[in-house]
Amino acid sequence: MIQIRVVKSAVGLAVASLLTLTACSGNGAGASGGDSNIVQGTGQVTVVAPDDRQPVPVLSGETVTGGQLSLADYEGQILVLNVWGSWCAPCIAEADNLVAIAEETADQGVQFVGINTRDLSPAPAVAFEEEHGVPYPSLYDPDGRLLLEFPKGSLNPQAIPTTLIVDREGRIAVRLLKALTEDELRDALAPVIAEG
């Protein structure tokens, strides 16, 4: 039997909802309908017991800077995958927090990788990374094809932003459907780091 613990915070839900309401608009209808380009997060945090975790897909492709990247390159490390877009207000709000925790945990076997989505050109994504001093690479996924690699019914990214924490065995340990503070990300990562 799969044991999944779901943690909801009323304050977190309120903040995520507020950020989403003030977020991104564009010309076309996004997955959340209307004129929004954002898929609204629920604020839900899902933590999976080690024995019940599913493997993350081995994603690979071009980065926003034109290089090549495969998640297989990070075998044996803890991986933090963050789905983001340069146009997304909640992504902007959490960017500096992700950078701070990436730098804080770099010597603990933690690697961050972004998945940039819905930027029709890499230029805005590159500008975003430069503005926020992002020290880690991001796969460029303008049409969401990489996101479709997650099996149906898995802990797939269901919102922008979404952050997934992948354990050292390549399995999804935590999914966070919200913009993150430093403390929220630190608290979600700590048990996975402690697994040794």
C-alpha atoms as a PDB file:
ATOM      1  CA  MET A   1       0.000   0.000   0.000  1.00  0.00           C
ATOM      2  CA  ILE A   2       1.390   3.402  -0.958  1.00  0.00           C
ATOM      3  CA  GLN A   3       1.808   5.802   1.937  1.00  0.00           C
ATOM      4  CA  ILE A   4       1.854   9.436   0.908  1.00  0.00           C
ATOM      5  CA  ARG A   5       1.710  12.247   3.416  1.00  0.00           C
ATOM      6  CA  VAL A   6       0.112  15.471   2.201  1.00  0.00           C
ATOM      7  CA  VAL A   7       0.830  18.671   4.096  1.00  0.00           C
ATOM      8  CA  LYS A   8      -1.369  21.711   3.548  1.00  0.00           C
ATOM      9  CA  SER A   9      -0.829  25.107   5.046  1.00  0.00           C
ATOM     10  CA  ALA A  10      -3.649  27.630   5.085  1.00  0.00           C
ATOM     11  CA  VAL A  11      -1.141  30.452   5.012  1.00  0.00           C
ATOM     12  CA  GLY A  12       0.769  28.771   2.180  1.00  0.00           C
ATOM     13  CA  LEU A  13      -2.441  28.317   0.220  1.00  0.00           C
ATOM     14  CA  ALA A  14      -3.368  31.950   0.741  1.00  0.00           C
ATOM     15  CA  VAL A  15       0.067  33.174  -0.352  1.00  0.00           C
ATOM     16  CA  ALA A  16       0.122  30.874  -3.393  1.00  0.00           C
ATOM     17  CA  SER A  17      -3.386  31.977  -4.346  1.00  0.00           C
ATOM     18  CA  LEU A  18      -2.477  35.641  -3.949  1.00  0.00           C
ATOM     19  CA  LEU A  19       0.674  35.227  -6.030  1.00  0.00           C
ATOM     20  CA  THR A  20      -1.285  33.403  -8.704  1.00  0.00           C
ATOM     21  CA  LEU A  21      -4.003  36.046  -8.799  1.00  0.00           C
ATOM     22  CA  THR A  22      -1.387  38.743  -9.319  1.00  0.00           C
ATOM     23  CA  ALA A  23       0.567  36.595 -11.750  1.00  0.00           C
ATOM     24  CA  CYS A  24       1.128  36.280 -15.396  1.00  0.00           C
ATOM     25  CA  SER A  25      -1.194  37.163 -18.174  1.00  0.00           C
ATOM     26  CA  GLY A  26      -0.754  36.761 -21.860  1.00  0.00           C
ATOM     27  CA  ASN A  27      -2.464  36.618 -25.200  1.00  0.00           C
ATOM     28  CA  GLY A  28      -3.442  32.945 -25.231  1.00  0.00           C
ATOM     29  CA  ALA A  29      -5.348  30.786 -22.853  1.00  0.00           C
ATOM     30  CA  GLY A  30      -3.118  28.793 -20.579  1.00  0.00           C
ATOM     31  CA  ALA A  31      -3.852  25.459 -19.022  1.00  0.00           C
ATOM     32  CA  SER A  32      -5.795  27.158 -16.248  1.00  0.00           C
ATOM     33  CA  GLY A  33      -8.125  28.852 -18.753  1.00  0.00           C
ATOM     34  CA  GLY A  34      -9.005  32.464 -19.405  1.00  0.00           C
ATOM     35  CA  ASP A  35      -6.164  34.750 -20.351  1.00  0.00           C
ATOM     36  CA  SER A  36      -3.769  33.209 -17.856  1.00  0.00           C
ATOM     37  CA  ASN A  37      -0.513  31.593 -18.900  1.00  0.00           C
ATOM     38  CA  ILE A  38      -0.109  30.079 -15.456  1.00  0.00           C
ATOM     39  CA  VAL A  39      -1.333  26.760 -14.184  1.00  0.00           C
ATOM     40  CA  GLN A  40      -2.422  27.587 -10.660  1.00  0.00           C
ATOM     41  CA  GLY A  41      -0.766  25.598  -7.894  1.00  0.00           C
ATOM     42  CA  THR A  42      -2.726  24.243  -4.968  1.00  0.00           C
ATOM     43  CA  GLY A  43      -0.049  24.909  -2.375  1.00  0.00           C
ATOM     44  CA  GLN A  44       0.029  21.174  -1.724  1.00  0.00           C
ATOM     45  CA  VAL A  45       3.186  19.485  -0.486  1.00  0.00           C
ATOM     46  CA  THR A  46       3.347  15.721  -1.029  1.00  0.00           C
ATOM     47  CA  VAL A  47       5.972  13.668   0.814  1.00  0.00           C
ATOM     48  CA  VAL A  48       6.462  10.024  -0.210  1.00  0.00           C
ATOM     49  CA  ALA A  49       7.868   7.300   2.044  1.00  0.00           C
ATOM     50  CA  PRO A  50      11.111   5.803   0.636  1.00  0.00           C
ATOM     51  CA  ASP A  51       9.577   2.405  -0.162  1.00  0.00           C
ATOM     52  CA  ASP A  52       6.740   4.004  -2.142  1.00  0.00           C
ATOM     53  CA  ARG A  53       8.701   6.387  -4.363  1.00  0.00           C
ATOM     54  CA  GLN A  54       8.575   6.246  -8.158  1.00  0.00           C
ATOM     55  CA  PRO A  55      11.562   6.987 -10.407  1.00  0.00           C
ATOM     56  CA  VAL A  56      11.865  10.372 -12.048  1.00  0.00           C
ATOM     57  CA  PRO A  57      11.940  10.195 -15.863  1.00  0.00           C
ATOM     58  CA  VAL A  58      15.415  10.522 -17.357  1.00  0.00           C
ATOM     59  CA  LEU A  59      14.911  13.895 -18.993  1.00  0.00           C
ATOM     60  CA  SER A  60      17.470  15.273 -21.416  1.00  0.00           C
ATOM     61  CA  GLY A  61      17.746  18.007 -23.968  1.00  0.00           C
ATOM     62  CA  GLU A  62      18.996  21.475 -24.695  1.00  0.00           C
ATOM     63  CA  THR A  63      19.501  24.016 -21.939  1.00  0.00           C
ATOM     64  CA  VAL A  64      18.374  27.639 -22.126  1.00  0.00           C
ATOM     65  CA  THR A  65      21.995  28.571 -22.896  1.00  0.00           C
ATOM     66  CA  GLY A  66      22.285  26.055 -25.765  1.00  0.00           C
ATOM     67  CA  GLY A  67      24.191  23.265 -24.002  1.00  0.00           C
ATOM     68  CA  GLN A  68      23.084  19.669 -23.552  1.00  0.00           C
ATOM     69  CA  LEU A  69      21.935  18.197 -20.256  1.00  0.00           C
ATOM     70  CA  SER A  70      20.637  14.856 -19.008  1.00  0.00           C
ATOM     71  CA  LEU A  71      19.328  14.101 -15.533  1.00  0.00           C
ATOM     72  CA  ALA A  72      21.322  10.856 -15.803  1.00  0.00           C
ATOM     73  CA  ASP A  73      24.429  13.027 -15.313  1.00  0.00           C
ATOM     74  CA  TYR A  74      23.381  13.515 -11.669  1.00  0.00           C
ATOM     75  CA  GLU A  75      23.023   9.847 -10.713  1.00  0.00           C
ATOM     76  CA  GLY A  76      23.610   9.320  -6.995  1.00  0.00           C
ATOM     77  CA  GLN A  77      22.919  12.951  -6.093  1.00  0.00           C
ATOM     78  CA  ILE A  78      19.843  14.564  -4.624  1.00  0.00           C
ATOM     79  CA  LEU A  79      18.163  16.500  -7.390  1.00  0.00           C
ATOM     80  CA  VAL A  80      15.907  19.516  -7.003  1.00  0.00           C
ATOM     81  CA  LEU A  81      13.880  20.047 -10.189  1.00  0.00           C
ATOM     82  CA  ASN A  82      12.123  23.387 -10.482  1.00  0.00           C
ATOM     83  CA  VAL A  83       9.610  24.037 -13.271  1.00  0.00           C
ATOM     84  CA  TRP A  84       9.512  27.750 -14.059  1.00  0.00           C
ATOM     85  CA  GLY A  85       8.930  30.443 -16.657  1.00  0.00           C
ATOM     86  CA  SER A  86      10.431  33.914 -16.921  1.00  0.00           C
ATOM     87  CA  TRP A  87       6.896  35.303 -17.341  1.00  0.00           C
ATOM     88  CA  CYS A  88       5.580  33.751 -14.109  1.00  0.00           C
ATOM     89  CA  ALA A  89       5.230  36.066 -11.078  1.00  0.00           C
ATOM     90  CA  PRO A  90       5.389  33.234  -8.488  1.00  0.00           C
ATOM     91  CA  CYS A  91       8.551  31.946 -10.229  1.00  0.00           C
ATOM     92  CA  ILE A  92      10.097  35.401  -9.944  1.00  0.00           C
ATOM     93  CA  ALA A  93       9.088  35.542  -6.276  1.00  0.00           C
ATOM     94  CA  GLU A  94      10.833  32.252  -5.448  1.00  0.00           C
ATOM     95  CA  ALA A  95      13.913  32.574  -7.681  1.00  0.00           C
ATOM     96  CA  ASP A  96      16.263  34.140  -5.139  1.00  0.00           C
ATOM     97  CA  ASN A  97      15.152  31.594  -2.517  1.00  0.00           C
ATOM     98  CA  LEU A  98      16.057  28.700  -4.825  1.00  0.00           C
ATOM     99  CA  VAL A  99      19.432  30.273  -5.587  1.00  0.00           C
ATOM    100  CA  ALA A 100      20.181  30.694  -1.868  1.00  0.00           C
ATOM    101  CA  ILE A 101      19.357  27.058  -1.039  1.00  0.00           C
ATOM    102  CA  ALA A 102      21.226  25.773  -4.117  1.00  0.00           C
ATOM    103  CA  GLU A 103      24.343  27.546  -2.888  1.00  0.00           C
ATOM    104  CA  GLU A 104      23.763  26.460   0.729  1.00  0.00           C
ATOM    105  CA  THR A 105      23.425  22.755  -0.148  1.00  0.00           C
ATOM    106  CA  ALA A 106      25.944  22.479  -2.993  1.00  0.00           C
ATOM    107  CA  ASP A 107      28.487  20.682  -0.783  1.00  0.00           C
ATOM    108  CA  GLN A 108      25.863  18.214   0.512  1.00  0.00           C
ATOM    109  CA  GLY A 109      25.382  16.282  -2.733  1.00  0.00           C
ATOM    110  CA  VAL A 110      22.400  18.377  -3.860  1.00  0.00           C
ATOM    111  CA  GLN A 111      22.114  19.509  -7.472  1.00  0.00           C
ATOM    112  CA  PHE A 112      19.467  21.919  -8.755  1.00  0.00           C
ATOM    113  CA  VAL A 113      18.141  21.792 -12.329  1.00  0.00           C
ATOM    114  CA  GLY A 114      15.455  24.029 -13.765  1.00  0.00           C
ATOM    115  CA  ILE A 115      12.925  23.152 -16.425  1.00  0.00           C
ATOM    116  CA  ASN A 116      12.017  26.356 -18.234  1.00  0.00           C
ATOM    117  CA  THR A 117       8.631  26.155 -19.908  1.00  0.00           C
ATOM    118  CA  ARG A 118       6.410  28.341 -22.107  1.00  0.00           C
ATOM    119  CA  ASP A 119       9.158  30.839 -22.929  1.00  0.00           C
ATOM    120  CA  LEU A 120       8.881  30.908 -26.725  1.00  0.00           C
ATOM    121  CA  SER A 121      12.508  32.010 -27.027  1.00  0.00           C
ATOM    122  CA  PRO A 122      15.408  31.201 -24.699  1.00  0.00           C
ATOM    123  CA  ALA A 123      16.357  34.909 -24.444  1.00  0.00           C
ATOM    124  CA  PRO A 124      13.894  35.812 -21.636  1.00  0.00           C
ATOM    125  CA  ALA A 125      14.952  32.684 -19.704  1.00  0.00           C
ATOM    126  CA  VAL A 126      18.635  33.585 -20.020  1.00  0.00           C
ATOM    127  CA  ALA A 127      17.887  37.156 -18.886  1.00  0.00           C
ATOM    128  CA  PHE A 128      15.916  35.778 -15.908  1.00  0.00           C
ATOM    129  CA  GLU A 129      18.821  33.527 -14.874  1.00  0.00           C
ATOM    130  CA  GLU A 130      21.306  36.380 -15.203  1.00  0.00           C
ATOM    131  CA  GLU A 131      19.126  38.784 -13.213  1.00  0.00           C
ATOM    132  CA  HIS A 132      18.724  36.297 -10.341  1.00  0.00           C
ATOM    133  CA  GLY A 133      22.264  34.881 -10.481  1.00  0.00           C
ATOM    134  CA  VAL A 134      21.012  31.330 -11.041  1.00  0.00           C
ATOM    135  CA  PRO A 135      24.071  29.055 -10.665  1.00  0.00           C
ATOM    136  CA  TYR A 136      22.469  25.867 -12.028  1.00  0.00           C
ATOM    137  CA  PRO A 137      21.361  24.815 -15.529  1.00  0.00           C
ATOM    138  CA  SER A 138      17.815  24.739 -16.881  1.00  0.00           C
ATOM    139  CA  LEU A 139      16.432  22.506 -19.588  1.00  0.00           C
ATOM    140  CA  TYR A 140      14.577  24.495 -22.243  1.00  0.00           C
ATOM    141  CA  ASP A 141      11.060  23.098 -22.701  1.00  0.00           C
ATOM    142  CA  PRO A 142       8.967  25.761 -24.463  1.00  0.00           C
ATOM    143  CA  ASP A 143       6.136  23.436 -25.453  1.00  0.00           C
ATOM    144  CA  GLY A 144       6.058  21.198 -22.370  1.00  0.00           C
ATOM    145  CA  ARG A 145       7.260  18.025 -24.086  1.00  0.00           C
ATOM    146  CA  LEU A 146       9.669  17.175 -21.268  1.00  0.00           C
ATOM    147  CA  LEU A 147       6.896  17.593 -18.709  1.00  0.00           C
ATOM    148  CA  LEU A 148       4.833  15.034 -20.627  1.00  0.00           C
ATOM    149  CA  GLU A 149       7.563  12.449 -19.901  1.00  0.00           C
ATOM    150  CA  PHE A 150       6.182  12.097 -16.375  1.00  0.00           C
ATOM    151  CA  PRO A 151       3.824   9.099 -16.323  1.00  0.00           C
ATOM    152  CA  LYS A 152       0.141   9.731 -15.795  1.00  0.00           C
ATOM    153  CA  GLY A 153      -0.730   9.286 -12.138  1.00  0.00           C
ATOM    154  CA  SER A 154       2.828   9.980 -10.982  1.00  0.00           C
ATOM    155  CA  LEU A 155       3.968  12.952  -8.926  1.00  0.00           C
ATOM    156  CA  ASN A 156       4.231  15.005 -12.091  1.00  0.00           C
ATOM    157  CA  PRO A 157       4.593  18.784 -12.194  1.00  0.00           C
ATOM    158  CA  GLN A 158       1.007  20.069 -12.203  1.00  0.00           C
ATOM    159  CA  ALA A 159       1.601  23.782 -11.783  1.00  0.00           C
ATOM    160  CA  ILE A 160       4.062  26.513 -12.574  1.00  0.00           C
ATOM    161  CA  PRO A 161       6.079  26.697 -10.434  1.00  0.00           C
ATOM    162  CA  THR A 162       6.469  23.130  -9.213  1.00  0.00           C
ATOM    163  CA  THR A 163       9.492  21.799  -7.366  1.00  0.00           C
ATOM    164  CA  LEU A 164      10.344  18.103  -7.161  1.00  0.00           C
ATOM    165  CA  ILE A 165      12.953  16.665  -4.815  1.00  0.00           C
ATOM    166  CA  VAL A 166      14.513  13.467  -6.152  1.00  0.00           C
ATOM    167  CA  ASP A 167      16.415  11.204  -3.763  1.00  0.00           C
ATOM    168  CA  ARG A 168      19.873   9.699  -4.341  1.00  0.00           C
ATOM    169  CA  GLU A 169      18.267   6.625  -5.938  1.00  0.00           C
ATOM    170  CA  GLY A 170      16.517   8.728  -8.590  1.00  0.00           C
ATOM    171  CA  ARG A 171      13.047   8.538  -7.022  1.00  0.00           C
ATOM    172  CA  ILE A 172      10.645  11.429  -6.404  1.00  0.00           C
ATOM    173  CA  ALA A 173      10.557  12.038  -2.651  1.00  0.00           C
ATOM    174  CA  VAL A 174       8.693  15.358  -2.465  1.00  0.00           C
ATOM    175  CA  ARG A 175       6.486  17.463  -4.747  1.00  0.00           C
ATOM    176  CA  LEU A 176       5.737  21.097  -3.891  1.00  0.00           C
ATOM    177  CA  LEU A 177       2.995  22.800  -5.922  1.00  0.00           C
ATOM    178  CA  LYS A 178       3.769  26.340  -4.853  1.00  0.00           C
ATOM    179  CA  ALA A 179       6.273  29.183  -4.874  1.00  0.00           C
ATOM    180  CA  LEU A 180       8.775  28.413  -2.110  1.00  0.00           C
ATOM    181  CA  THR A 181      10.408  30.361   0.672  1.00  0.00           C
ATOM    182  CA  GLU A 182      13.944  29.449   1.731  1.00  0.00           C
ATOM    183  CA  ASP A 183      12.634  27.820   4.918  1.00  0.00           C
ATOM    184  CA  GLU A 184      10.031  25.730   3.059  1.00  0.00           C
ATOM    185  CA  LEU A 185      12.615  24.380   0.649  1.00  0.00           C
ATOM    186  CA  ARG A 186      15.197  23.829   3.375  1.00  0.00           C
ATOM    187  CA  ASP A 187      12.629  21.932   5.485  1.00  0.00           C
ATOM    188  CA  ALA A 188      11.559  19.764   2.517  1.00  0.00           C
ATOM    189  CA  LEU A 189      15.168  18.937   1.587  1.00  0.00           C
ATOM    190  CA  ALA A 190      16.509  18.186   5.073  1.00  0.00           C
ATOM    191  CA  PRO A 191      14.907  14.725   5.515  1.00  0.00           C
ATOM    192  CA  VAL A 192      16.033  13.623   2.042  1.00  0.00           C
ATOM    193  CA  ILE A 193      19.594  14.797   2.740  1.00  0.00           C
ATOM    194  CA  ALA A 194      19.493  12.963   6.093  1.00  0.00           C
ATOM    195  CA  GLU A 195      18.645   9.664   4.377  1.00  0.00           C
ATOM    196  CA  GLY A 196      22.356   9.368   3.635  1.00  0.00           C
END
